[in-house]
Every structure is written in C-alpha cells, then in structure tokens.
Amino acid sequence: MKLPEDGRLLRIFIGESDRADGKPLYEAIVLKARELNLAGATVLRGIMGFGADSRMHTAKLLELSEDLPVVIEIVDSKENLDKLTPFLDERVKEGLITLEDVKVIKYRTSKAP
C-alpha cells in the first residue's frame, strides 16, 4: 500500500476501560481499521491524564489504574479515514477525536513485493 505524501492523522482519545461489543474499545477500533484496510493503527497507553469531566486518571492511584488514558493513532488518506467515521460515531461515547494534516515521509514494509 502506498500512502500519499499529504496524509491525515486521526487521533482518538478514550479510556482504557471503555468497551464496545464486550471487548476493549481500543481493540474494536484497531480491528475495524484493519478490516477497512487502513494503513495501520497504534494504541498508546498514557500514564496520566484527564478529559472533559476533569477526573484524573493516573497509574499512581491504585483504584484508577485500570482506566488509564488511551490514544489510538491512525495515519492514512482523508478518504480512507472517512470510512471509519460512522463506526467511531457509533462506538465512542466519551472521549476526543482529532484530525490533522501530516506529511508522510516514509511508509514501508520489510516484506518484499
């Protein structure tokens, strides 16, 4: 797969304990992105953060350690990312979703064509 030089970065900020269809929401999003043949997805687990409700999530507090911030990043073309939007609208009940322009420098696999 070749990515255009002018791509888009989709970031989805959710909580680690958010669920969809009985599985972690971050997992459901990554699996849907793969199903839609998007270029790739990465899930990042934060050690501290807060959202719209200003409730602190941190690995320091034992009772909150299972609901740490999670960010899913996906880089692809705007057209491809638009395919994921209906799924996100339906599944992401709380959180933040951003989209920004990025310049793709390199996107390669180690597998021979």
PDB file of N, CA and C in Angstrom:
ATOM      1  N   MET A   1       0.851  -1.178   0.000  1.00  0.00           N
ATOM      2  CA  MET A   1       0.000   0.000   0.000  1.00  0.00           C
ATOM      3  C   MET A   1       0.890   1.232   0.000  1.00  0.00           C
ATOM      4  N   LYS A   2       0.506   2.196  -0.794  1.00  0.00           N
ATOM      5  CA  LYS A   2       1.239   3.459  -0.847  1.00  0.00           C
ATOM      6  C   LYS A   2       0.375   4.549  -0.227  1.00  0.00           C
ATOM      7  N   LEU A   3       0.990   5.338   0.624  1.00  0.00           N
ATOM      8  CA  LEU A   3       0.291   6.466   1.234  1.00  0.00           C
ATOM      9  C   LEU A   3       0.639   7.734   0.477  1.00  0.00           C
ATOM     10  N   PRO A   4      -0.328   8.621   0.311  1.00  0.00           N
ATOM     11  CA  PRO A   4       0.003   9.905  -0.307  1.00  0.00           C
ATOM     12  C   PRO A   4       0.889  10.718   0.634  1.00  0.00           C
ATOM     13  N   GLU A   5       1.716  11.581   0.054  1.00  0.00           N
ATOM     14  CA  GLU A   5       2.604  12.405   0.873  1.00  0.00           C
ATOM     15  C   GLU A   5       1.810  13.290   1.827  1.00  0.00           C
ATOM     16  N   ASP A   6       0.702  13.835   1.343  1.00  0.00           N
ATOM     17  CA  ASP A   6      -0.162  14.650   2.191  1.00  0.00           C
ATOM     18  C   ASP A   6      -1.249  13.756   2.778  1.00  0.00           C
ATOM     19  N   GLY A   7      -1.048  13.342   4.012  1.00  0.00           N
ATOM     20  CA  GLY A   7      -1.984  12.445   4.669  1.00  0.00           C
ATOM     21  C   GLY A   7      -2.700  13.129   5.813  1.00  0.00           C
ATOM     22  N   ARG A   8      -3.430  12.331   6.568  1.00  0.00           N
ATOM     23  CA  ARG A   8      -4.155  12.821   7.746  1.00  0.00           C
ATOM     24  C   ARG A   8      -3.824  11.912   8.927  1.00  0.00           C
ATOM     25  N   LEU A   9      -3.742  12.523  10.093  1.00  0.00           N
ATOM     26  CA  LEU A   9      -3.532  11.796  11.341  1.00  0.00           C
ATOM     27  C   LEU A   9      -4.822  11.879  12.145  1.00  0.00           C
ATOM     28  N   LEU A  10      -5.412  10.724  12.395  1.00  0.00           N
ATOM     29  CA  LEU A  10      -6.610  10.620  13.217  1.00  0.00           C
ATOM     30  C   LEU A  10      -6.166  10.176  14.600  1.00  0.00           C
ATOM     31  N   ARG A  11      -6.548  10.942  15.619  1.00  0.00           N
ATOM     32  CA  ARG A  11      -6.242  10.577  16.997  1.00  0.00           C
ATOM     33  C   ARG A  11      -7.554  10.408  17.756  1.00  0.00           C
ATOM     34  N   ILE A  12      -7.648   9.317  18.483  1.00  0.00           N
ATOM     35  CA  ILE A  12      -8.837   9.022  19.267  1.00  0.00           C
ATOM     36  C   ILE A  12      -8.397   8.868  20.712  1.00  0.00           C
ATOM     37  N   PHE A  13      -8.881   9.745  21.582  1.00  0.00           N
ATOM     38  CA  PHE A  13      -8.541   9.741  22.996  1.00  0.00           C
ATOM     39  C   PHE A  13      -9.709   9.123  23.759  1.00  0.00           C
ATOM     40  N   ILE A  14      -9.472   7.993  24.403  1.00  0.00           N
ATOM     41  CA  ILE A  14     -10.516   7.300  25.163  1.00  0.00           C
ATOM     42  C   ILE A  14      -9.909   6.778  26.460  1.00  0.00           C
ATOM     43  N   GLY A  15     -10.713   6.076  27.240  1.00  0.00           N
ATOM     44  CA  GLY A  15     -10.230   5.441  28.461  1.00  0.00           C
ATOM     45  C   GLY A  15      -9.978   3.964  28.239  1.00  0.00           C
ATOM     46  N   GLU A  16      -9.033   3.444  28.959  1.00  0.00           N
ATOM     47  CA  GLU A  16      -8.669   2.040  28.832  1.00  0.00           C
ATOM     48  C   GLU A  16      -9.832   1.108  29.145  1.00  0.00           C
ATOM     49  N   SER A  17     -10.729   1.528  30.022  1.00  0.00           N
ATOM     50  CA  SER A  17     -11.842   0.661  30.417  1.00  0.00           C
ATOM     51  C   SER A  17     -13.065   0.796  29.501  1.00  0.00           C
ATOM     52  N   ASP A  18     -13.019   1.704  28.510  1.00  0.00           N
ATOM     53  CA  ASP A  18     -14.145   1.847  27.578  1.00  0.00           C
ATOM     54  C   ASP A  18     -14.315   0.555  26.786  1.00  0.00           C
ATOM     55  N   ARG A  19     -15.577   0.154  26.603  1.00  0.00           N
ATOM     56  CA  ARG A  19     -15.861  -1.136  25.962  1.00  0.00           C
ATOM     57  C   ARG A  19     -16.792  -0.947  24.768  1.00  0.00           C
ATOM     58  N   ALA A  20     -16.721  -1.903  23.854  1.00  0.00           N
ATOM     59  CA  ALA A  20     -17.629  -1.979  22.710  1.00  0.00           C
ATOM     60  C   ALA A  20     -17.815  -3.444  22.362  1.00  0.00           C
ATOM     61  N   ASP A  21     -19.030  -3.876  22.339  1.00  0.00           N
ATOM     62  CA  ASP A  21     -19.340  -5.266  21.987  1.00  0.00           C
ATOM     63  C   ASP A  21     -18.563  -6.271  22.845  1.00  0.00           C
ATOM     64  N   GLY A  22     -18.410  -5.948  24.133  1.00  0.00           N
ATOM     65  CA  GLY A  22     -17.773  -6.878  25.064  1.00  0.00           C
ATOM     66  C   GLY A  22     -16.258  -6.914  25.037  1.00  0.00           C
ATOM     67  N   LYS A  23     -15.625  -6.048  24.246  1.00  0.00           N
ATOM     68  CA  LYS A  23     -14.156  -6.016  24.200  1.00  0.00           C
ATOM     69  C   LYS A  23     -13.695  -4.581  24.398  1.00  0.00           C
ATOM     70  N   PRO A  24     -12.420  -4.394  24.705  1.00  0.00           N
ATOM     71  CA  PRO A  24     -11.926  -3.025  24.859  1.00  0.00           C
ATOM     72  C   PRO A  24     -12.190  -2.201  23.594  1.00  0.00           C
ATOM     73  N   LEU A  25     -12.631  -0.967  23.776  1.00  0.00           N
ATOM     74  CA  LEU A  25     -12.951  -0.106  22.645  1.00  0.00           C
ATOM     75  C   LEU A  25     -11.740   0.112  21.753  1.00  0.00           C
ATOM     76  N   TYR A  26     -10.558   0.282  22.344  1.00  0.00           N
ATOM     77  CA  TYR A  26      -9.362   0.481  21.519  1.00  0.00           C
ATOM     78  C   TYR A  26      -9.129  -0.708  20.593  1.00  0.00           C
ATOM     79  N   GLU A  27      -9.405  -1.918  21.103  1.00  0.00           N
ATOM     80  CA  GLU A  27      -9.244  -3.127  20.282  1.00  0.00           C
ATOM     81  C   GLU A  27     -10.271  -3.140  19.148  1.00  0.00           C
ATOM     82  N   ALA A  28     -11.507  -2.792  19.450  1.00  0.00           N
ATOM     83  CA  ALA A  28     -12.557  -2.763  18.435  1.00  0.00           C
ATOM     84  C   ALA A  28     -12.213  -1.760  17.332  1.00  0.00           C
ATOM     85  N   ILE A  29     -11.655  -0.613  17.707  1.00  0.00           N
ATOM     86  CA  ILE A  29     -11.288   0.407  16.723  1.00  0.00           C
ATOM     87  C   ILE A  29     -10.156  -0.078  15.824  1.00  0.00           C
ATOM     88  N   VAL A  30      -9.132  -0.674  16.412  1.00  0.00           N
ATOM     89  CA  VAL A  30      -7.997  -1.173  15.626  1.00  0.00           C
ATOM     90  C   VAL A  30      -8.444  -2.292  14.687  1.00  0.00           C
ATOM     91  N   LEU A  31      -9.285  -3.191  15.178  1.00  0.00           N
ATOM     92  CA  LEU A  31      -9.770  -4.283  14.329  1.00  0.00           C
ATOM     93  C   LEU A  31     -10.619  -3.749  13.177  1.00  0.00           C
ATOM     94  N   LYS A  32     -11.433  -2.731  13.440  1.00  0.00           N
ATOM     95  CA  LYS A  32     -12.240  -2.123  12.373  1.00  0.00           C
ATOM     96  C   LYS A  32     -11.345  -1.427  11.358  1.00  0.00           C
ATOM     97  N   ALA A  33     -10.314  -0.734  11.825  1.00  0.00           N
ATOM     98  CA  ALA A  33      -9.368  -0.073  10.919  1.00  0.00           C
ATOM     99  C   ALA A  33      -8.693  -1.106  10.016  1.00  0.00           C
ATOM    100  N   ARG A  34      -8.350  -2.243  10.581  1.00  0.00           N
ATOM    101  CA  ARG A  34      -7.718  -3.309   9.793  1.00  0.00           C
ATOM    102  C   ARG A  34      -8.701  -3.877   8.777  1.00  0.00           C
ATOM    103  N   GLU A  35      -9.930  -4.095   9.228  1.00  0.00           N
ATOM    104  CA  GLU A  35     -10.989  -4.598   8.339  1.00  0.00           C
ATOM    105  C   GLU A  35     -11.202  -3.655   7.145  1.00  0.00           C
ATOM    106  N   LEU A  36     -11.085  -2.355   7.384  1.00  0.00           N
ATOM    107  CA  LEU A  36     -11.261  -1.356   6.333  1.00  0.00           C
ATOM    108  C   LEU A  36      -9.995  -1.128   5.498  1.00  0.00           C
ATOM    109  N   ASN A  37      -8.956  -1.928   5.761  1.00  0.00           N
ATOM    110  CA  ASN A  37      -7.683  -1.851   5.035  1.00  0.00           C
ATOM    111  C   ASN A  37      -6.999  -0.497   5.169  1.00  0.00           C
ATOM    112  N   LEU A  38      -7.104   0.114   6.359  1.00  0.00           N
ATOM    113  CA  LEU A  38      -6.377   1.351   6.601  1.00  0.00           C
ATOM    114  C   LEU A  38      -4.887   1.025   6.725  1.00  0.00           C
ATOM    115  N   ALA A  39      -4.053   2.029   6.595  1.00  0.00           N
ATOM    116  CA  ALA A  39      -2.605   1.814   6.535  1.00  0.00           C
ATOM    117  C   ALA A  39      -2.026   1.196   7.805  1.00  0.00           C
ATOM    118  N   GLY A  40      -2.601   1.506   8.953  1.00  0.00           N
ATOM    119  CA  GLY A  40      -2.097   0.967  10.212  1.00  0.00           C
ATOM    120  C   GLY A  40      -2.677   1.742  11.377  1.00  0.00           C
ATOM    121  N   ALA A  41      -2.521   1.200  12.554  1.00  0.00           N
ATOM    122  CA  ALA A  41      -3.026   1.849  13.764  1.00  0.00           C
ATOM    123  C   ALA A  41      -2.089   1.525  14.915  1.00  0.00           C
ATOM    124  N   THR A  42      -1.940   2.475  15.820  1.00  0.00           N
ATOM    125  CA  THR A  42      -1.114   2.281  17.009  1.00  0.00           C
ATOM    126  C   THR A  42      -1.909   2.720  18.226  1.00  0.00           C
ATOM    127  N   VAL A  43      -1.869   1.907  19.277  1.00  0.00           N
ATOM    128  CA  VAL A  43      -2.528   2.233  20.539  1.00  0.00           C
ATOM    129  C   VAL A  43      -1.447   2.602  21.549  1.00  0.00           C
ATOM    130  N   LEU A  44      -1.602   3.781  22.146  1.00  0.00           N
ATOM    131  CA  LEU A  44      -0.663   4.267  23.157  1.00  0.00           C
ATOM    132  C   LEU A  44      -1.389   4.364  24.492  1.00  0.00           C
ATOM    133  N   ARG A  45      -0.770   3.838  25.534  1.00  0.00           N
ATOM    134  CA  ARG A  45      -1.354   3.875  26.872  1.00  0.00           C
ATOM    135  C   ARG A  45      -0.659   4.958  27.674  1.00  0.00           C
ATOM    136  N   GLY A  46      -1.450   5.902  28.154  1.00  0.00           N
ATOM    137  CA  GLY A  46      -0.897   7.000  28.926  1.00  0.00           C
ATOM    138  C   GLY A  46      -0.719   6.626  30.383  1.00  0.00           C
ATOM    139  N   ILE A  47       0.140   7.357  31.064  1.00  0.00           N
ATOM    140  CA  ILE A  47       0.337   7.114  32.499  1.00  0.00           C
ATOM    141  C   ILE A  47      -0.426   8.111  33.348  1.00  0.00           C
ATOM    142  N   MET A  48      -0.929   9.187  32.676  1.00  0.00           N
ATOM    143  CA  MET A  48      -1.694  10.173  33.425  1.00  0.00           C
ATOM    144  C   MET A  48      -2.459  11.057  32.458  1.00  0.00           C
ATOM    145  N   GLY A  49      -3.657  11.484  32.853  1.00  0.00           N
ATOM    146  CA  GLY A  49      -4.420  12.397  32.019  1.00  0.00           C
ATOM    147  C   GLY A  49      -5.788  12.667  32.605  1.00  0.00           C
ATOM    148  N   PHE A  50      -6.503  13.603  31.971  1.00  0.00           N
ATOM    149  CA  PHE A  50      -7.887  13.867  32.332  1.00  0.00           C
ATOM    150  C   PHE A  50      -8.613  14.326  31.091  1.00  0.00           C
ATOM    151  N   GLY A  51      -9.940  14.228  31.128  1.00  0.00           N
ATOM    152  CA  GLY A  51     -10.741  14.605  29.975  1.00  0.00           C
ATOM    153  C   GLY A  51     -11.753  15.664  30.319  1.00  0.00           C
ATOM    154  N   ALA A  52     -12.858  15.656  29.575  1.00  0.00           N
ATOM    155  CA  ALA A  52     -13.884  16.689  29.707  1.00  0.00           C
ATOM    156  C   ALA A  52     -14.477  16.766  31.107  1.00  0.00           C
ATOM    157  N   ASP A  53     -14.511  15.635  31.807  1.00  0.00           N
ATOM    158  CA  ASP A  53     -15.082  15.641  33.166  1.00  0.00           C
ATOM    159  C   ASP A  53     -14.059  16.046  34.234  1.00  0.00           C
ATOM    160  N   SER A  54     -12.832  16.308  33.830  1.00  0.00           N
ATOM    161  CA  SER A  54     -11.726  16.713  34.708  1.00  0.00           C
ATOM    162  C   SER A  54     -11.345  15.673  35.758  1.00  0.00           C
ATOM    163  N   ARG A  55     -11.835  14.445  35.624  1.00  0.00           N
ATOM    164  CA  ARG A  55     -11.455  13.377  36.548  1.00  0.00           C
ATOM    165  C   ARG A  55     -10.058  12.886  36.177  1.00  0.00           C
ATOM    166  N   MET A  56      -9.168  12.827  37.159  1.00  0.00           N
ATOM    167  CA  MET A  56      -7.785  12.432  36.929  1.00  0.00           C
ATOM    168  C   MET A  56      -7.689  10.912  36.784  1.00  0.00           C
ATOM    169  N   HIS A  57      -6.945  10.491  35.779  1.00  0.00           N
ATOM    170  CA  HIS A  57      -6.636   9.080  35.553  1.00  0.00           C
ATOM    171  C   HIS A  57      -5.121   8.966  35.647  1.00  0.00           C
ATOM    172  N   THR A  58      -4.646   8.137  36.545  1.00  0.00           N
ATOM    173  CA  THR A  58      -3.201   8.031  36.727  1.00  0.00           C
ATOM    174  C   THR A  58      -2.818   6.648  37.235  1.00  0.00           C
ATOM    175  N   ALA A  59      -1.637   6.215  36.854  1.00  0.00           N
ATOM    176  CA  ALA A  59      -1.115   4.937  37.322  1.00  0.00           C
ATOM    177  C   ALA A  59      -0.687   5.027  38.780  1.00  0.00           C
ATOM    178  N   LYS A  60      -0.624   6.232  39.335  1.00  0.00           N
ATOM    179  CA  LYS A  60      -0.213   6.409  40.730  1.00  0.00           C
ATOM    180  C   LYS A  60      -1.310   6.012  41.702  1.00  0.00           C
ATOM    181  N   LEU A  61      -2.543   6.179  41.295  1.00  0.00           N
ATOM    182  CA  LEU A  61      -3.652   5.837  42.174  1.00  0.00           C
ATOM    183  C   LEU A  61      -4.132   4.433  41.854  1.00  0.00           C
ATOM    184  N   LEU A  62      -3.966   3.525  42.786  1.00  0.00           N
ATOM    185  CA  LEU A  62      -4.273   2.124  42.561  1.00  0.00           C
ATOM    186  C   LEU A  62      -5.694   1.901  42.069  1.00  0.00           C
ATOM    187  N   GLU A  63      -6.651   2.610  42.638  1.00  0.00           N
ATOM    188  CA  GLU A  63      -8.041   2.373  42.279  1.00  0.00           C
ATOM    189  C   GLU A  63      -8.395   2.859  40.867  1.00  0.00           C
ATOM    190  N   LEU A  64      -7.592   3.720  40.277  1.00  0.00           N
ATOM    191  CA  LEU A  64      -7.861   4.203  38.928  1.00  0.00           C
ATOM    192  C   LEU A  64      -6.931   3.596  37.887  1.00  0.00           C
ATOM    193  N   SER A  65      -6.055   2.706  38.303  1.00  0.00           N
ATOM    194  CA  SER A  65      -5.015   2.215  37.413  1.00  0.00           C
ATOM    195  C   SER A  65      -5.549   1.379  36.261  1.00  0.00           C
ATOM    196  N   GLU A  66      -6.803   0.940  36.305  1.00  0.00           N
ATOM    197  CA  GLU A  66      -7.357   0.152  35.209  1.00  0.00           C
ATOM    198  C   GLU A  66      -8.114   1.019  34.208  1.00  0.00           C
ATOM    199  N   ASP A  67      -8.115   2.336  34.390  1.00  0.00           N
ATOM    200  CA  ASP A  67      -8.786   3.228  33.440  1.00  0.00           C
ATOM    201  C   ASP A  67      -7.834   4.347  33.022  1.00  0.00           C
ATOM    202  N   LEU A  68      -6.671   3.951  32.551  1.00  0.00           N
ATOM    203  CA  LEU A  68      -5.677   4.928  32.115  1.00  0.00           C
ATOM    204  C   LEU A  68      -6.059   5.487  30.746  1.00  0.00           C
ATOM    205  N   PRO A  69      -5.535   6.654  30.402  1.00  0.00           N
ATOM    206  CA  PRO A  69      -5.820   7.226  29.087  1.00  0.00           C
ATOM    207  C   PRO A  69      -5.238   6.353  27.972  1.00  0.00           C
ATOM    208  N   VAL A  70      -5.951   6.269  26.870  1.00  0.00           N
ATOM    209  CA  VAL A  70      -5.509   5.525  25.697  1.00  0.00           C
ATOM    210  C   VAL A  70      -5.680   6.426  24.483  1.00  0.00           C
ATOM    211  N   VAL A  71      -4.679   6.436  23.608  1.00  0.00           N
ATOM    212  CA  VAL A  71      -4.749   7.192  22.357  1.00  0.00           C
ATOM    213  C   VAL A  71      -4.521   6.209  21.214  1.00  0.00           C
ATOM    214  N   ILE A  72      -5.426   6.219  20.255  1.00  0.00           N
ATOM    215  CA  ILE A  72      -5.251   5.421  19.043  1.00  0.00           C
ATOM    216  C   ILE A  72      -4.872   6.392  17.941  1.00  0.00           C
ATOM    217  N   GLU A  73      -3.767   6.129  17.243  1.00  0.00           N
ATOM    218  CA  GLU A  73      -3.329   6.969  16.137  1.00  0.00           C
ATOM    219  C   GLU A  73      -3.378   6.180  14.842  1.00  0.00           C
ATOM    220  N   ILE A  74      -3.967   6.807  13.834  1.00  0.00           N
ATOM    221  CA  ILE A  74      -4.074   6.182  12.518  1.00  0.00           C
ATOM    222  C   ILE A  74      -3.706   7.240  11.478  1.00  0.00           C
ATOM    223  N   VAL A  75      -2.753   6.917  10.604  1.00  0.00           N
ATOM    224  CA  VAL A  75      -2.374   7.820   9.517  1.00  0.00           C
ATOM    225  C   VAL A  75      -2.793   7.171   8.205  1.00  0.00           C
ATOM    226  N   ASP A  76      -3.507   7.922   7.393  1.00  0.00           N
ATOM    227  CA  ASP A  76      -3.946   7.441   6.082  1.00  0.00           C
ATOM    228  C   ASP A  76      -4.449   8.644   5.298  1.00  0.00           C
ATOM    229  N   SER A  77      -5.057   8.406   4.165  1.00  0.00           N
ATOM    230  CA  SER A  77      -5.663   9.493   3.395  1.00  0.00           C
ATOM    231  C   SER A  77      -6.980   9.895   4.058  1.00  0.00           C
ATOM    232  N   LYS A  78      -7.427  11.097   3.784  1.00  0.00           N
ATOM    233  CA  LYS A  78      -8.701  11.561   4.328  1.00  0.00           C
ATOM    234  C   LYS A  78      -9.832  10.639   3.874  1.00  0.00           C
ATOM    235  N   GLU A  79      -9.810  10.236   2.619  1.00  0.00           N
ATOM    236  CA  GLU A  79     -10.861   9.371   2.072  1.00  0.00           C
ATOM    237  C   GLU A  79     -10.932   8.039   2.821  1.00  0.00           C
ATOM    238  N   ASN A  80      -9.781   7.450   3.114  1.00  0.00           N
ATOM    239  CA  ASN A  80      -9.778   6.179   3.842  1.00  0.00           C
ATOM    240  C   ASN A  80     -10.222   6.359   5.288  1.00  0.00           C
ATOM    241  N   LEU A  81      -9.766   7.422   5.933  1.00  0.00           N
ATOM    242  CA  LEU A  81     -10.164   7.664   7.319  1.00  0.00           C
ATOM    243  C   LEU A  81     -11.657   7.956   7.429  1.00  0.00           C
ATOM    244  N   ASP A  82     -12.237   8.570   6.397  1.00  0.00           N
ATOM    245  CA  ASP A  82     -13.673   8.840   6.395  1.00  0.00           C
ATOM    246  C   ASP A  82     -14.499   7.555   6.477  1.00  0.00           C
ATOM    247  N   LYS A  83     -13.941   6.444   6.030  1.00  0.00           N
ATOM    248  CA  LYS A  83     -14.643   5.156   6.105  1.00  0.00           C
ATOM    249  C   LYS A  83     -14.830   4.699   7.550  1.00  0.00           C
ATOM    250  N   LEU A  84     -13.966   5.163   8.432  1.00  0.00           N
ATOM    251  CA  LEU A  84     -14.005   4.774   9.841  1.00  0.00           C
ATOM    252  C   LEU A  84     -14.954   5.650  10.663  1.00  0.00           C
ATOM    253  N   THR A  85     -15.278   6.828  10.159  1.00  0.00           N
ATOM    254  CA  THR A  85     -16.074   7.798  10.913  1.00  0.00           C
ATOM    255  C   THR A  85     -17.414   7.272  11.420  1.00  0.00           C
ATOM    256  N   PRO A  86     -18.220   6.587  10.609  1.00  0.00           N
ATOM    257  CA  PRO A  86     -19.501   6.084  11.132  1.00  0.00           C
ATOM    258  C   PRO A  86     -19.318   5.123  12.312  1.00  0.00           C
ATOM    259  N   PHE A  87     -18.317   4.281  12.243  1.00  0.00           N
ATOM    260  CA  PHE A  87     -18.020   3.341  13.330  1.00  0.00           C
ATOM    261  C   PHE A  87     -17.665   4.110  14.604  1.00  0.00           C
ATOM    262  N   LEU A  88     -16.824   5.138  14.472  1.00  0.00           N
ATOM    263  CA  LEU A  88     -16.428   5.936  15.636  1.00  0.00           C
ATOM    264  C   LEU A  88     -17.614   6.700  16.209  1.00  0.00           C
ATOM    265  N   ASP A  89     -18.448   7.268  15.349  1.00  0.00           N
ATOM    266  CA  ASP A  89     -19.634   7.993  15.806  1.00  0.00           C
ATOM    267  C   ASP A  89     -20.528   7.095  16.657  1.00  0.00           C
ATOM    268  N   GLU A  90     -20.628   5.850  16.271  1.00  0.00           N
ATOM    269  CA  GLU A  90     -21.487   4.901  16.979  1.00  0.00           C
ATOM    270  C   GLU A  90     -20.857   4.374  18.264  1.00  0.00           C
ATOM    271  N   ARG A  91     -19.567   4.119  18.260  1.00  0.00           N
ATOM    272  CA  ARG A  91     -18.921   3.422  19.371  1.00  0.00           C
ATOM    273  C   ARG A  91     -18.302   4.330  20.433  1.00  0.00           C
ATOM    274  N   VAL A  92     -17.752   5.473  20.040  1.00  0.00           N
ATOM    275  CA  VAL A  92     -17.055   6.335  21.000  1.00  0.00           C
ATOM    276  C   VAL A  92     -18.090   7.218  21.699  1.00  0.00           C
ATOM    277  N   LYS A  93     -18.437   6.842  22.932  1.00  0.00           N
ATOM    278  CA  LYS A  93     -19.451   7.566  23.715  1.00  0.00           C
ATOM    279  C   LYS A  93     -18.841   8.729  24.491  1.00  0.00           C
ATOM    280  N   GLU A  94     -17.595   8.565  24.957  1.00  0.00           N
ATOM    281  CA  GLU A  94     -16.863   9.604  25.685  1.00  0.00           C
ATOM    282  C   GLU A  94     -15.462   9.672  25.109  1.00  0.00           C
ATOM    283  N   GLY A  95     -14.919  10.861  25.032  1.00  0.00           N
ATOM    284  CA  GLY A  95     -13.554  10.987  24.547  1.00  0.00           C
ATOM    285  C   GLY A  95     -13.395  12.170  23.622  1.00  0.00           C
ATOM    286  N   LEU A  96     -12.316  12.153  22.874  1.00  0.00           N
ATOM    287  CA  LEU A  96     -11.977  13.226  21.949  1.00  0.00           C
ATOM    288  C   LEU A  96     -11.417  12.594  20.689  1.00  0.00           C
ATOM    289  N   ILE A  97     -11.842  13.110  19.539  1.00  0.00           N
ATOM    290  CA  ILE A  97     -11.326  12.640  18.258  1.00  0.00           C
ATOM    291  C   ILE A  97     -10.812  13.857  17.506  1.00  0.00           C
ATOM    292  N   THR A  98      -9.569  13.787  17.032  1.00  0.00           N
ATOM    293  CA  THR A  98      -8.988  14.893  16.273  1.00  0.00           C
ATOM    294  C   THR A  98      -8.481  14.387  14.926  1.00  0.00           C
ATOM    295  N   LEU A  99      -8.380  15.315  13.984  1.00  0.00           N
ATOM    296  CA  LEU A  99      -7.866  15.004  12.654  1.00  0.00           C
ATOM    297  C   LEU A  99      -6.968  16.155  12.231  1.00  0.00           C
ATOM    298  N   GLU A 100      -5.756  15.833  11.829  1.00  0.00           N
ATOM    299  CA  GLU A 100      -4.839  16.893  11.409  1.00  0.00           C
ATOM    300  C   GLU A 100      -4.052  16.470  10.182  1.00  0.00           C
ATOM    301  N   ASP A 101      -3.601  17.452   9.443  1.00  0.00           N
ATOM    302  CA  ASP A 101      -2.775  17.206   8.262  1.00  0.00           C
ATOM    303  C   ASP A 101      -1.383  16.757   8.692  1.00  0.00           C
ATOM    304  N   VAL A 102      -0.834  15.785   7.973  1.00  0.00           N
ATOM    305  CA  VAL A 102       0.539  15.342   8.207  1.00  0.00           C
ATOM    306  C   VAL A 102       1.235  15.139   6.869  1.00  0.00           C
ATOM    307  N   LYS A 103       2.532  15.231   6.887  1.00  0.00           N
ATOM    308  CA  LYS A 103       3.335  14.935   5.706  1.00  0.00           C
ATOM    309  C   LYS A 103       3.974  13.574   5.925  1.00  0.00           C
ATOM    310  N   VAL A 104       3.640  12.623   5.061  1.00  0.00           N
ATOM    311  CA  VAL A 104       4.178  11.267   5.165  1.00  0.00           C
ATOM    312  C   VAL A 104       5.554  11.252   4.515  1.00  0.00           C
ATOM    313  N   ILE A 105       6.557  10.919   5.295  1.00  0.00           N
ATOM    314  CA  ILE A 105       7.944  10.869   4.809  1.00  0.00           C
ATOM    315  C   ILE A 105       8.253   9.479   4.252  1.00  0.00           C
ATOM    316  N   LYS A 106       7.881   8.458   5.003  1.00  0.00           N
ATOM    317  CA  LYS A 106       8.167   7.087   4.580  1.00  0.00           C
ATOM    318  C   LYS A 106       7.122   6.157   5.167  1.00  0.00           C
ATOM    319  N   TYR A 107       6.658   5.198   4.365  1.00  0.00           N
ATOM    320  CA  TYR A 107       5.742   4.150   4.822  1.00  0.00           C
ATOM    321  C   TYR A 107       6.106   2.904   4.044  1.00  0.00           C
ATOM    322  N   ARG A 108       6.821   2.005   4.708  1.00  0.00           N
ATOM    323  CA  ARG A 108       7.324   0.819   4.013  1.00  0.00           C
ATOM    324  C   ARG A 108       7.198  -0.400   4.901  1.00  0.00           C
ATOM    325  N   THR A 109       7.174  -1.541   4.259  1.00  0.00           N
ATOM    326  CA  THR A 109       7.192  -2.809   4.953  1.00  0.00           C
ATOM    327  C   THR A 109       8.523  -3.503   4.669  1.00  0.00           C
ATOM    328  N   SER A 110       8.900  -4.422   5.529  1.00  0.00           N
ATOM    329  CA  SER A 110      10.145  -5.151   5.297  1.00  0.00           C
ATOM    330  C   SER A 110       9.909  -6.335   4.354  1.00  0.00           C
ATOM    331  N   LYS A 111       8.642  -6.642   4.068  1.00  0.00           N
ATOM    332  CA  LYS A 111       8.333  -7.748   3.153  1.00  0.00           C
ATOM    333  C   LYS A 111       8.599  -7.332   1.717  1.00  0.00           C
ATOM    334  N   ALA A 112       9.165  -8.238   0.962  1.00  0.00           N
ATOM    335  CA  ALA A 112       9.423  -7.952  -0.450  1.00  0.00           C
ATOM    336  C   ALA A 112       8.115  -7.976  -1.217  1.00  0.00           C
ATOM    337  N   PRO A 113       7.973  -7.108  -2.232  1.00  0.00           N
ATOM    338  CA  PRO A 113       6.727  -7.079  -3.015  1.00  0.00           C
ATOM    339  C   PRO A 113       6.512  -8.327  -3.840  1.00  0.00           C
TER     340      PRO A 113
END
